[in-house]
Amino acid sequence: MTIFTTPQPAYFWSYGLTVIPSSPATVLAKTTVLLKMWLSNVTADAVTVLVTDLSTEASGSPCQVWPAVTIAANSVVVIDLGSVVANGGVAWSASAANAIHGQISGGY
């Protein structure tokens, strides 16, 4: 039987509201526990958002914390990230420039 415990961060951080770029941008470059993410699609088209761990899996590709999920046009989503640990830090990107406004928070 494997026992899973949620890490208890000593410090909390919040990457305040910003426009998510269309190429991957580092949010935090250290191991972190991810808590919540808020995303607002301000365009009339659906846009895909990708959140990755800066560490890599065995294949050498970034681990996807939030796989390429589409955010509907003119909508807001709030995501509970469940205290998932991003071992190498975290980066995010959107499929269209100037389309998604986002905020993410966590601890380490």
Protein backbone atom coordinates (compact mmCIF):
# COMPACT_ATOMS: atom_id res chain seq x y z
CA MET A 1 0.00 0.00 0.00
CA THR A 2 1.36 3.40 -0.97
CA ILE A 3 0.54 6.30 1.28
CA PHE A 4 0.30 9.67 -0.43
CA THR A 5 0.69 12.82 1.60
CA THR A 6 0.20 16.36 0.37
CA PRO A 7 3.32 18.52 0.83
CA GLN A 8 2.85 21.39 3.25
CA PRO A 9 4.58 24.49 1.85
CA ALA A 10 6.41 26.87 4.18
CA TYR A 11 6.10 29.82 1.78
CA PHE A 12 3.23 30.76 -0.50
CA TRP A 13 3.51 32.69 -3.76
CA SER A 14 1.14 34.09 -6.35
CA TYR A 15 2.09 34.98 -9.90
CA GLY A 16 -0.32 37.89 -10.32
CA LEU A 17 -2.63 38.52 -13.21
CA THR A 18 -0.71 38.67 -16.48
CA VAL A 19 -1.11 37.89 -20.18
CA ILE A 20 0.06 34.34 -20.89
CA PRO A 21 2.45 34.38 -23.87
CA SER A 22 2.22 32.13 -26.91
CA SER A 23 5.65 30.60 -26.22
CA PRO A 24 6.46 28.84 -22.92
CA ALA A 25 7.32 31.30 -20.13
CA THR A 26 8.75 30.31 -16.76
CA VAL A 27 6.49 31.20 -13.84
CA LEU A 28 8.76 29.83 -11.08
CA ALA A 29 12.08 28.00 -11.54
CA LYS A 30 12.11 25.89 -8.37
CA THR A 31 10.23 22.89 -7.05
CA THR A 32 6.75 24.04 -6.09
CA VAL A 33 3.36 22.80 -4.96
CA LEU A 34 0.69 24.17 -7.30
CA LEU A 35 -2.59 25.22 -5.72
CA LYS A 36 -4.89 27.31 -7.95
CA MET A 37 -5.01 28.79 -11.42
CA TRP A 38 -7.39 31.42 -12.84
CA LEU A 39 -7.66 31.84 -16.63
CA SER A 40 -9.71 34.31 -18.65
CA ASN A 41 -10.03 34.04 -22.41
CA VAL A 42 -10.65 37.60 -23.59
CA THR A 43 -11.07 36.72 -27.27
CA ALA A 44 -13.95 35.53 -29.47
CA ASP A 45 -12.06 32.30 -30.27
CA ALA A 46 -11.25 29.21 -28.22
CA VAL A 47 -7.63 29.15 -26.99
CA THR A 48 -5.54 26.27 -25.67
CA VAL A 49 -3.44 26.63 -22.50
CA LEU A 50 -0.54 24.36 -21.53
CA VAL A 51 1.14 24.26 -18.10
CA THR A 52 4.32 22.21 -17.78
CA ASP A 53 6.77 21.15 -15.11
CA LEU A 54 10.26 22.41 -15.99
CA SER A 55 11.69 18.97 -15.19
CA THR A 56 11.50 16.32 -17.89
CA GLU A 57 10.15 12.81 -18.06
CA ALA A 58 12.21 9.83 -19.23
CA SER A 59 11.64 10.74 -22.89
CA GLY A 60 13.16 14.18 -22.33
CA SER A 61 9.85 16.00 -22.81
CA PRO A 62 8.42 18.39 -20.20
CA CYS A 63 5.89 16.82 -17.83
CA GLN A 64 2.45 18.28 -18.39
CA VAL A 65 0.83 19.59 -15.22
CA TRP A 66 -2.16 20.91 -17.17
CA PRO A 67 -2.34 19.30 -20.60
CA ALA A 68 -3.31 21.29 -23.66
CA VAL A 69 -6.88 22.15 -22.65
CA THR A 70 -9.09 24.51 -24.62
CA ILE A 71 -10.65 27.52 -22.88
CA ALA A 72 -13.87 28.61 -24.58
CA ALA A 73 -14.20 32.09 -26.08
CA ASN A 74 -14.99 34.91 -23.64
CA SER A 75 -14.92 32.64 -20.59
CA VAL A 76 -13.22 32.29 -17.22
CA VAL A 77 -12.08 29.07 -15.54
CA VAL A 78 -10.75 28.57 -12.02
CA ILE A 79 -8.78 25.38 -11.51
CA ASP A 80 -7.88 23.67 -8.25
CA LEU A 81 -4.52 22.09 -9.06
CA GLY A 82 -4.75 19.75 -6.08
CA SER A 83 -1.30 20.47 -4.61
CA VAL A 84 0.46 18.73 -7.50
CA VAL A 85 4.25 19.07 -7.20
CA ALA A 86 6.17 20.53 -10.15
CA ASN A 87 9.68 19.22 -9.42
CA GLY A 88 11.55 21.58 -11.71
CA GLY A 89 9.31 24.61 -11.43
CA VAL A 90 6.49 25.58 -13.76
CA ALA A 91 5.96 27.26 -17.15
CA TRP A 92 2.87 28.14 -19.16
CA SER A 93 1.85 29.13 -22.67
CA ALA A 94 -1.27 29.81 -24.74
CA SER A 95 -1.99 28.90 -28.35
CA ALA A 96 -2.68 32.56 -29.21
CA ALA A 97 -0.87 35.72 -28.14
CA ASN A 98 -2.72 38.30 -26.00
CA ALA A 99 -5.71 35.96 -25.57
CA ILE A 100 -5.47 34.51 -22.06
CA HIS A 101 -5.07 36.48 -18.86
CA GLY A 102 -3.96 34.24 -16.04
CA GLN A 103 -2.91 33.96 -12.44
CA ILE A 104 -1.39 30.96 -10.66
CA SER A 105 -0.50 30.32 -7.03
CA GLY A 106 1.38 27.75 -5.04
CA GLY A 107 3.93 27.20 -2.34
CA TYR A 108 7.40 25.82 -1.69
